[in-house]
């Protein structure tokens, strides 16, 4: 088994267009390192200075990891990690 990582459209250039990829690790940090080995450049879009980028939202089984342990959140086989870029803007 593995951890499913759902990739937003804007980052699919790093995954050859895949909507979801599989990875392994015991924390989000190690999962992102594992993904980087197969999808070069992806980690840099998610992590800055050892922390999640400010405008990237990451959910573990539908729970925002910022309310857990952030990048040090524990993950396990069969978990689902969803990456969503923050959306802002609009018109008046």
PDB file of N, CA and C in Angstrom:
ATOM      1  N   UNK A   1       0.840  -1.185   0.000  1.00  0.00           N
ATOM      2  CA  UNK A   1       0.000   0.000   0.000  1.00  0.00           C
ATOM      3  C   UNK A   1       0.882   1.244   0.000  1.00  0.00           C
ATOM      4  N   UNK A   2       0.257   2.373  -0.292  1.00  0.00           N
ATOM      5  CA  UNK A   2       0.983   3.632  -0.353  1.00  0.00           C
ATOM      6  C   UNK A   2       0.049   4.765   0.053  1.00  0.00           C
ATOM      7  N   UNK A   3       0.602   5.940   0.073  1.00  0.00           N
ATOM      8  CA  UNK A   3      -0.158   7.145   0.378  1.00  0.00           C
ATOM      9  C   UNK A   3      -0.537   7.791  -0.947  1.00  0.00           C
ATOM     10  N   UNK A   4      -1.808   8.068  -1.132  1.00  0.00           N
ATOM     11  CA  UNK A   4      -2.267   8.749  -2.342  1.00  0.00           C
ATOM     12  C   UNK A   4      -2.134  10.250  -2.141  1.00  0.00           C
ATOM     13  N   UNK A   5      -1.527  10.917  -3.120  1.00  0.00           N
ATOM     14  CA  UNK A   5      -1.380  12.364  -3.077  1.00  0.00           C
ATOM     15  C   UNK A   5      -2.123  12.939  -4.273  1.00  0.00           C
ATOM     16  N   UNK A   6      -3.136  13.733  -4.008  1.00  0.00           N
ATOM     17  CA  UNK A   6      -3.932  14.356  -5.068  1.00  0.00           C
ATOM     18  C   UNK A   6      -3.286  15.679  -5.454  1.00  0.00           C
ATOM     19  N   UNK A   7      -3.047  15.823  -6.750  1.00  0.00           N
ATOM     20  CA  UNK A   7      -2.274  16.946  -7.271  1.00  0.00           C
ATOM     21  C   UNK A   7      -3.206  17.949  -7.969  1.00  0.00           C
ATOM     22  N   UNK A   8      -3.109  19.237  -7.628  1.00  0.00           N
ATOM     23  CA  UNK A   8      -3.937  20.231  -8.309  1.00  0.00           C
ATOM     24  C   UNK A   8      -3.450  20.456  -9.739  1.00  0.00           C
ATOM     25  N   UNK A   9      -4.320  20.931 -10.576  1.00  0.00           N
ATOM     26  CA  UNK A   9      -4.011  21.148 -11.989  1.00  0.00           C
ATOM     27  C   UNK A   9      -2.725  21.936 -12.187  1.00  0.00           C
ATOM     28  N   UNK A  10      -2.526  22.967 -11.412  1.00  0.00           N
ATOM     29  CA  UNK A  10      -1.364  23.838 -11.596  1.00  0.00           C
ATOM     30  C   UNK A  10      -0.025  23.127 -11.352  1.00  0.00           C
ATOM     31  N   UNK A  11      -0.025  22.037 -10.615  1.00  0.00           N
ATOM     32  CA  UNK A  11       1.213  21.305 -10.327  1.00  0.00           C
ATOM     33  C   UNK A  11       1.366  20.022 -11.139  1.00  0.00           C
ATOM     34  N   UNK A  12       0.432  19.743 -11.994  1.00  0.00           N
ATOM     35  CA  UNK A  12       0.476  18.484 -12.749  1.00  0.00           C
ATOM     36  C   UNK A  12       1.584  18.437 -13.796  1.00  0.00           C
ATOM     37  N   UNK A  13       2.181  19.570 -14.109  1.00  0.00           N
ATOM     38  CA  UNK A  13       3.332  19.542 -15.018  1.00  0.00           C
ATOM     39  C   UNK A  13       4.487  18.777 -14.391  1.00  0.00           C
ATOM     40  N   UNK A  14       4.517  18.711 -13.075  1.00  0.00           N
ATOM     41  CA  UNK A  14       5.575  17.976 -12.366  1.00  0.00           C
ATOM     42  C   UNK A  14       5.290  16.481 -12.286  1.00  0.00           C
ATOM     43  N   UNK A  15       4.031  16.097 -12.520  1.00  0.00           N
ATOM     44  CA  UNK A  15       3.640  14.685 -12.409  1.00  0.00           C
ATOM     45  C   UNK A  15       3.215  14.114 -13.759  1.00  0.00           C
ATOM     46  N   UNK A  16       3.688  14.708 -14.825  1.00  0.00           N
ATOM     47  CA  UNK A  16       3.335  14.270 -16.189  1.00  0.00           C
ATOM     48  C   UNK A  16       1.829  14.216 -16.392  1.00  0.00           C
ATOM     49  N   UNK A  17       1.131  15.151 -15.772  1.00  0.00           N
ATOM     50  CA  UNK A  17      -0.309  15.257 -15.944  1.00  0.00           C
ATOM     51  C   UNK A  17      -1.147  14.411 -15.005  1.00  0.00           C
ATOM     52  N   UNK A  18      -0.505  13.631 -14.158  1.00  0.00           N
ATOM     53  CA  UNK A  18      -1.257  12.756 -13.252  1.00  0.00           C
ATOM     54  C   UNK A  18      -2.035  13.565 -12.213  1.00  0.00           C
ATOM     55  N   UNK A  19      -3.304  13.204 -12.025  1.00  0.00           N
ATOM     56  CA  UNK A  19      -4.151  13.849 -11.022  1.00  0.00           C
ATOM     57  C   UNK A  19      -3.817  13.393  -9.612  1.00  0.00           C
ATOM     58  N   UNK A  20      -3.265  12.192  -9.518  1.00  0.00           N
ATOM     59  CA  UNK A  20      -2.883  11.630  -8.223  1.00  0.00           C
ATOM     60  C   UNK A  20      -1.637  10.782  -8.423  1.00  0.00           C
ATOM     61  N   UNK A  21      -0.773  10.800  -7.423  1.00  0.00           N
ATOM     62  CA  UNK A  21       0.438   9.976  -7.431  1.00  0.00           C
ATOM     63  C   UNK A  21       0.525   9.264  -6.094  1.00  0.00           C
ATOM     64  N   UNK A  22       1.365   8.247  -6.040  1.00  0.00           N
ATOM     65  CA  UNK A  22       1.561   7.525  -4.791  1.00  0.00           C
ATOM     66  C   UNK A  22       2.947   7.804  -4.254  1.00  0.00           C
ATOM     67  N   UNK A  23       3.042   7.822  -2.943  1.00  0.00           N
ATOM     68  CA  UNK A  23       4.323   8.022  -2.298  1.00  0.00           C
ATOM     69  C   UNK A  23       4.355   7.293  -0.976  1.00  0.00           C
ATOM     70  N   UNK A  24       5.492   7.408  -0.301  1.00  0.00           N
ATOM     71  CA  UNK A  24       5.617   6.771   1.003  1.00  0.00           C
ATOM     72  C   UNK A  24       6.406   7.679   1.928  1.00  0.00           C
ATOM     73  N   UNK A  25       6.269   7.428   3.210  1.00  0.00           N
ATOM     74  CA  UNK A  25       6.961   8.194   4.230  1.00  0.00           C
ATOM     75  C   UNK A  25       6.203   8.089   5.534  1.00  0.00           C
ATOM     76  N   UNK A  26       6.829   8.544   6.600  1.00  0.00           N
ATOM     77  CA  UNK A  26       6.141   8.503   7.896  1.00  0.00           C
ATOM     78  C   UNK A  26       5.663   9.877   8.346  1.00  0.00           C
ATOM     79  N   UNK A  27       6.122  10.929   7.654  1.00  0.00           N
ATOM     80  CA  UNK A  27       5.635  12.293   7.889  1.00  0.00           C
ATOM     81  C   UNK A  27       5.407  12.945   6.530  1.00  0.00           C
ATOM     82  N   UNK A  28       4.713  14.074   6.523  1.00  0.00           N
ATOM     83  CA  UNK A  28       4.557  14.800   5.264  1.00  0.00           C
ATOM     84  C   UNK A  28       5.908  15.174   4.686  1.00  0.00           C
ATOM     85  N   UNK A  29       6.829  15.576   5.535  1.00  0.00           N
ATOM     86  CA  UNK A  29       8.160  15.961   5.075  1.00  0.00           C
ATOM     87  C   UNK A  29       8.824  14.807   4.327  1.00  0.00           C
ATOM     88  N   UNK A  30       8.813  13.617   4.898  1.00  0.00           N
ATOM     89  CA  UNK A  30       9.436  12.476   4.221  1.00  0.00           C
ATOM     90  C   UNK A  30       8.637  12.055   2.990  1.00  0.00           C
ATOM     91  N   UNK A  31       7.324  12.216   3.013  1.00  0.00           N
ATOM     92  CA  UNK A  31       6.501  11.945   1.834  1.00  0.00           C
ATOM     93  C   UNK A  31       6.885  12.885   0.700  1.00  0.00           C
ATOM     94  N   UNK A  32       7.038  14.175   0.999  1.00  0.00           N
ATOM     95  CA  UNK A  32       7.411  15.139  -0.032  1.00  0.00           C
ATOM     96  C   UNK A  32       8.812  14.871  -0.560  1.00  0.00           C
ATOM     97  N   UNK A  33       9.710  14.390   0.287  1.00  0.00           N
ATOM     98  CA  UNK A  33      11.045  13.993  -0.185  1.00  0.00           C
ATOM     99  C   UNK A  33      10.944  12.808  -1.137  1.00  0.00           C
ATOM    100  N   UNK A  34      10.087  11.843  -0.800  1.00  0.00           N
ATOM    101  CA  UNK A  34       9.890  10.685  -1.658  1.00  0.00           C
ATOM    102  C   UNK A  34       9.313  11.113  -3.008  1.00  0.00           C
ATOM    103  N   UNK A  35       8.340  12.005  -2.982  1.00  0.00           N
ATOM    104  CA  UNK A  35       7.749  12.486  -4.235  1.00  0.00           C
ATOM    105  C   UNK A  35       8.772  13.241  -5.078  1.00  0.00           C
ATOM    106  N   UNK A  36       9.621  14.004  -4.430  1.00  0.00           N
ATOM    107  CA  UNK A  36      10.649  14.771  -5.139  1.00  0.00           C
ATOM    108  C   UNK A  36      11.580  13.856  -5.927  1.00  0.00           C
ATOM    109  N   UNK A  37      11.852  12.675  -5.394  1.00  0.00           N
ATOM    110  CA  UNK A  37      12.734  11.725  -6.081  1.00  0.00           C
ATOM    111  C   UNK A  37      12.135  11.259  -7.408  1.00  0.00           C
ATOM    112  N   UNK A  38      10.814  11.240  -7.497  1.00  0.00           N
ATOM    113  CA  UNK A  38      10.145  10.782  -8.724  1.00  0.00           C
ATOM    114  C   UNK A  38       9.556  11.905  -9.559  1.00  0.00           C
ATOM    115  N   UNK A  39       9.345  13.049  -8.920  1.00  0.00           N
ATOM    116  CA  UNK A  39       8.706  14.188  -9.588  1.00  0.00           C
ATOM    117  C   UNK A  39       9.494  15.459  -9.245  1.00  0.00           C
ATOM    118  N   UNK A  40      10.663  15.573  -9.848  1.00  0.00           N
ATOM    119  CA  UNK A  40      11.593  16.666  -9.536  1.00  0.00           C
ATOM    120  C   UNK A  40      10.927  18.037  -9.660  1.00  0.00           C
ATOM    121  N   UNK A  41      11.153  18.867  -8.649  1.00  0.00           N
ATOM    122  CA  UNK A  41      10.628  20.226  -8.630  1.00  0.00           C
ATOM    123  C   UNK A  41       9.350  20.375  -7.835  1.00  0.00           C
ATOM    124  N   UNK A  42       8.671  19.278  -7.549  1.00  0.00           N
ATOM    125  CA  UNK A  42       7.393  19.352  -6.841  1.00  0.00           C
ATOM    126  C   UNK A  42       7.571  19.859  -5.413  1.00  0.00           C
ATOM    127  N   UNK A  43       8.565  19.344  -4.697  1.00  0.00           N
ATOM    128  CA  UNK A  43       8.769  19.747  -3.305  1.00  0.00           C
ATOM    129  C   UNK A  43       8.974  21.253  -3.177  1.00  0.00           C
ATOM    130  N   UNK A  44       9.736  21.845  -4.086  1.00  0.00           N
ATOM    131  CA  UNK A  44       9.996  23.289  -4.020  1.00  0.00           C
ATOM    132  C   UNK A  44       8.718  24.115  -4.137  1.00  0.00           C
ATOM    133  N   UNK A  45       7.704  23.569  -4.757  1.00  0.00           N
ATOM    134  CA  UNK A  45       6.428  24.274  -4.885  1.00  0.00           C
ATOM    135  C   UNK A  45       5.576  24.143  -3.628  1.00  0.00           C
ATOM    136  N   UNK A  46       5.942  23.196  -2.752  1.00  0.00           N
ATOM    137  CA  UNK A  46       5.150  22.937  -1.554  1.00  0.00           C
ATOM    138  C   UNK A  46       5.811  23.426  -0.271  1.00  0.00           C
ATOM    139  N   UNK A  47       7.144  23.402  -0.257  1.00  0.00           N
ATOM    140  CA  UNK A  47       7.899  23.668   0.972  1.00  0.00           C
ATOM    141  C   UNK A  47       8.884  24.801   0.737  1.00  0.00           C
ATOM    142  N   UNK A  48       8.994  25.682   1.737  1.00  0.00           N
ATOM    143  CA  UNK A  48       9.958  26.777   1.694  1.00  0.00           C
ATOM    144  C   UNK A  48      10.555  26.924   3.086  1.00  0.00           C
ATOM    145  N   UNK A  49      11.869  26.822   3.175  1.00  0.00           N
ATOM    146  CA  UNK A  49      12.534  26.982   4.460  1.00  0.00           C
ATOM    147  C   UNK A  49      12.134  25.943   5.493  1.00  0.00           C
ATOM    148  N   UNK A  50      11.799  24.745   5.045  1.00  0.00           N
ATOM    149  CA  UNK A  50      11.444  23.681   5.977  1.00  0.00           C
ATOM    150  C   UNK A  50      10.006  23.714   6.457  1.00  0.00           C
ATOM    151  N   UNK A  51       9.200  24.622   5.938  1.00  0.00           N
ATOM    152  CA  UNK A  51       7.784  24.727   6.307  1.00  0.00           C
ATOM    153  C   UNK A  51       6.938  24.741   5.046  1.00  0.00           C
ATOM    154  N   UNK A  52       5.660  24.421   5.200  1.00  0.00           N
ATOM    155  CA  UNK A  52       4.751  24.513   4.062  1.00  0.00           C
ATOM    156  C   UNK A  52       4.677  25.947   3.579  1.00  0.00           C
ATOM    157  N   UNK A  53       4.640  26.104   2.273  1.00  0.00           N
ATOM    158  CA  UNK A  53       4.497  27.447   1.717  1.00  0.00           C
ATOM    159  C   UNK A  53       3.180  28.054   2.189  1.00  0.00           C
ATOM    160  N   UNK A  54       3.199  29.346   2.343  1.00  0.00           N
ATOM    161  CA  UNK A  54       2.058  30.065   2.891  1.00  0.00           C
ATOM    162  C   UNK A  54       0.781  29.889   2.068  1.00  0.00           C
ATOM    163  N   UNK A  55       0.923  29.854   0.752  1.00  0.00           N
ATOM    164  CA  UNK A  55      -0.257  29.802  -0.104  1.00  0.00           C
ATOM    165  C   UNK A  55      -0.540  28.410  -0.659  1.00  0.00           C
ATOM    166  N   UNK A  56      -0.080  27.391   0.062  1.00  0.00           N
ATOM    167  CA  UNK A  56      -0.386  26.010  -0.299  1.00  0.00           C
ATOM    168  C   UNK A  56      -1.110  25.381   0.883  1.00  0.00           C
ATOM    169  N   UNK A  57      -2.276  24.838   0.610  1.00  0.00           N
ATOM    170  CA  UNK A  57      -3.040  24.157   1.648  1.00  0.00           C
ATOM    171  C   UNK A  57      -2.893  22.652   1.441  1.00  0.00           C
ATOM    172  N   UNK A  58      -2.597  21.948   2.523  1.00  0.00           N
ATOM    173  CA  UNK A  58      -2.428  20.498   2.461  1.00  0.00           C
ATOM    174  C   UNK A  58      -3.393  19.865   3.456  1.00  0.00           C
ATOM    175  N   UNK A  59      -4.122  18.873   2.976  1.00  0.00           N
ATOM    176  CA  UNK A  59      -5.102  18.173   3.804  1.00  0.00           C
ATOM    177  C   UNK A  59      -4.731  16.709   3.901  1.00  0.00           C
ATOM    178  N   UNK A  60      -4.829  16.177   5.093  1.00  0.00           N
ATOM    179  CA  UNK A  60      -4.617  14.754   5.342  1.00  0.00           C
ATOM    180  C   UNK A  60      -5.975  14.166   5.687  1.00  0.00           C
ATOM    181  N   UNK A  61      -6.480  13.328   4.795  1.00  0.00           N
ATOM    182  CA  UNK A  61      -7.812  12.737   5.009  1.00  0.00           C
ATOM    183  C   UNK A  61      -8.842  13.817   5.349  1.00  0.00           C
ATOM    184  N   UNK A  62      -8.826  14.902   4.582  1.00  0.00           N
ATOM    185  CA  UNK A  62      -9.760  16.034   4.690  1.00  0.00           C
ATOM    186  C   UNK A  62      -9.533  16.933   5.900  1.00  0.00           C
ATOM    187  N   UNK A  63      -8.427  16.776   6.611  1.00  0.00           N
ATOM    188  CA  UNK A  63      -8.124  17.642   7.756  1.00  0.00           C
ATOM    189  C   UNK A  63      -6.910  18.503   7.425  1.00  0.00           C
ATOM    190  N   UNK A  64      -7.037  19.810   7.627  1.00  0.00           N
ATOM    191  CA  UNK A  64      -5.968  20.756   7.331  1.00  0.00           C
ATOM    192  C   UNK A  64      -4.755  20.466   8.225  1.00  0.00           C
ATOM    193  N   UNK A  65      -3.602  20.186   7.611  1.00  0.00           N
ATOM    194  CA  UNK A  65      -2.424  19.813   8.401  1.00  0.00           C
ATOM    195  C   UNK A  65      -1.877  20.975   9.213  1.00  0.00           C
ATOM    196  N   UNK A  66      -2.260  22.201   8.901  1.00  0.00           N
ATOM    197  CA  UNK A  66      -1.814  23.351   9.711  1.00  0.00           C
ATOM    198  C   UNK A  66      -2.387  23.266  11.127  1.00  0.00           C
ATOM    199  N   UNK A  67      -3.486  22.541  11.283  1.00  0.00           N
ATOM    200  CA  UNK A  67      -4.085  22.358  12.600  1.00  0.00           C
ATOM    201  C   UNK A  67      -3.628  21.049  13.244  1.00  0.00           C
ATOM    202  N   UNK A  68      -2.773  20.334  12.547  1.00  0.00           N
ATOM    203  CA  UNK A  68      -2.161  19.124  13.099  1.00  0.00           C
ATOM    204  C   UNK A  68      -0.720  19.487  13.454  1.00  0.00           C
ATOM    205  N   UNK A  69       0.249  18.883  12.787  1.00  0.00           N
ATOM    206  CA  UNK A  69       1.646  19.181  13.066  1.00  0.00           C
ATOM    207  C   UNK A  69       2.370  19.744  11.843  1.00  0.00           C
ATOM    208  N   UNK A  70       1.609  20.336  10.936  1.00  0.00           N
ATOM    209  CA  UNK A  70       2.217  20.931   9.753  1.00  0.00           C
ATOM    210  C   UNK A  70       2.992  19.910   8.952  1.00  0.00           C
ATOM    211  N   UNK A  71       4.178  20.280   8.526  1.00  0.00           N
ATOM    212  CA  UNK A  71       5.003  19.401   7.702  1.00  0.00           C
ATOM    213  C   UNK A  71       5.472  18.157   8.463  1.00  0.00           C
ATOM    214  N   UNK A  72       5.391  18.192   9.778  1.00  0.00           N
ATOM    215  CA  UNK A  72       5.792  17.045  10.604  1.00  0.00           C
ATOM    216  C   UNK A  72       4.618  16.116  10.936  1.00  0.00           C
ATOM    217  N   UNK A  73       3.471  16.345  10.309  1.00  0.00           N
ATOM    218  CA  UNK A  73       2.302  15.502  10.529  1.00  0.00           C
ATOM    219  C   UNK A  73       2.602  14.069  10.104  1.00  0.00           C
ATOM    220  N   UNK A  74       2.238  13.130  10.953  1.00  0.00           N
ATOM    221  CA  UNK A  74       2.438  11.710  10.672  1.00  0.00           C
ATOM    222  C   UNK A  74       1.454  11.239   9.605  1.00  0.00           C
ATOM    223  N   UNK A  75       1.969  10.453   8.655  1.00  0.00           N
ATOM    224  CA  UNK A  75       1.135   9.842   7.629  1.00  0.00           C
ATOM    225  C   UNK A  75       1.381   8.332   7.628  1.00  0.00           C
ATOM    226  N   UNK A  76       0.421   7.600   7.064  1.00  0.00           N
ATOM    227  CA  UNK A  76       0.558   6.141   7.016  1.00  0.00           C
ATOM    228  C   UNK A  76      -0.065   5.619   5.729  1.00  0.00           C
ATOM    229  N   UNK A  77       0.219   4.357   5.427  1.00  0.00           N
ATOM    230  CA  UNK A  77      -0.348   3.727   4.242  1.00  0.00           C
ATOM    231  C   UNK A  77      -1.860   3.896   4.215  1.00  0.00           C
ATOM    232  N   UNK A  78      -2.381   4.119   3.029  1.00  0.00           N
ATOM    233  CA  UNK A  78      -3.807   4.281   2.752  1.00  0.00           C
ATOM    234  C   UNK A  78      -4.331   5.679   3.095  1.00  0.00           C
ATOM    235  N   UNK A  79      -3.488   6.560   3.628  1.00  0.00           N
ATOM    236  CA  UNK A  79      -3.909   7.942   3.835  1.00  0.00           C
ATOM    237  C   UNK A  79      -4.053   8.622   2.474  1.00  0.00           C
ATOM    238  N   UNK A  80      -4.842   9.700   2.452  1.00  0.00           N
ATOM    239  CA  UNK A  80      -4.993  10.514   1.256  1.00  0.00           C
ATOM    240  C   UNK A  80      -4.571  11.935   1.603  1.00  0.00           C
ATOM    241  N   UNK A  81      -3.594  12.435   0.856  1.00  0.00           N
ATOM    242  CA  UNK A  81      -3.104  13.808   1.031  1.00  0.00           C
ATOM    243  C   UNK A  81      -3.583  14.608  -0.175  1.00  0.00           C
ATOM    244  N   UNK A  82      -4.246  15.712   0.096  1.00  0.00           N
ATOM    245  CA  UNK A  82      -4.738  16.581  -0.969  1.00  0.00           C
ATOM    246  C   UNK A  82      -4.001  17.909  -0.892  1.00  0.00           C
ATOM    247  N   UNK A  83      -3.469  18.332  -2.026  1.00  0.00           N
ATOM    248  CA  UNK A  83      -2.753  19.608  -2.110  1.00  0.00           C
ATOM    249  C   UNK A  83      -3.653  20.586  -2.871  1.00  0.00           C
ATOM    250  N   UNK A  84      -3.903  21.733  -2.262  1.00  0.00           N
ATOM    251  CA  UNK A  84      -4.714  22.760  -2.899  1.00  0.00           C
ATOM    252  C   UNK A  84      -4.004  24.098  -2.807  1.00  0.00           C
ATOM    253  N   UNK A  85      -3.826  24.769  -3.944  1.00  0.00           N
ATOM    254  CA  UNK A  85      -3.286  26.122  -3.876  1.00  0.00           C
ATOM    255  C   UNK A  85      -4.353  27.054  -3.311  1.00  0.00           C
ATOM    256  N   UNK A  86      -3.924  28.026  -2.515  1.00  0.00           N
ATOM    257  CA  UNK A  86      -4.865  28.998  -1.992  1.00  0.00           C
ATOM    258  C   UNK A  86      -5.360  29.857  -3.150  1.00  0.00           C
ATOM    259  N   UNK A  87      -6.636  30.209  -3.106  1.00  0.00           N
ATOM    260  CA  UNK A  87      -7.224  31.009  -4.171  1.00  0.00           C
ATOM    261  C   UNK A  87      -7.658  32.335  -3.570  1.00  0.00           C
ATOM    262  N   UNK A  88      -7.299  33.394  -4.237  1.00  0.00           N
ATOM    263  CA  UNK A  88      -7.680  34.721  -3.776  1.00  0.00           C
ATOM    264  C   UNK A  88      -8.072  35.551  -4.995  1.00  0.00           C
ATOM    265  N   UNK A  89      -8.700  36.634  -4.723  1.00  0.00           N
ATOM    266  CA  UNK A  89      -9.039  37.539  -5.817  1.00  0.00           C
ATOM    267  C   UNK A  89     -10.517  37.650  -6.014  1.00  0.00           C
ATOM    268  N   UNK A  90     -10.878  38.146  -7.146  1.00  0.00           N
ATOM    269  CA  UNK A  90     -12.280  38.379  -7.451  1.00  0.00           C
ATOM    270  C   UNK A  90     -12.457  39.808  -7.916  1.00  0.00           C
ATOM    271  N   UNK A  91     -13.666  40.183  -8.087  1.00  0.00           N
ATOM    272  CA  UNK A  91     -13.924  41.551  -8.533  1.00  0.00           C
ATOM    273  C   UNK A  91     -14.886  42.219  -7.574  1.00  0.00           C
ATOM    274  N   UNK A  92     -14.884  43.521  -7.632  1.00  0.00           N
ATOM    275  CA  UNK A  92     -15.780  44.287  -6.760  1.00  0.00           C
ATOM    276  C   UNK A  92     -17.083  44.564  -7.430  1.00  0.00           C
TER     277      UNK A  92
END
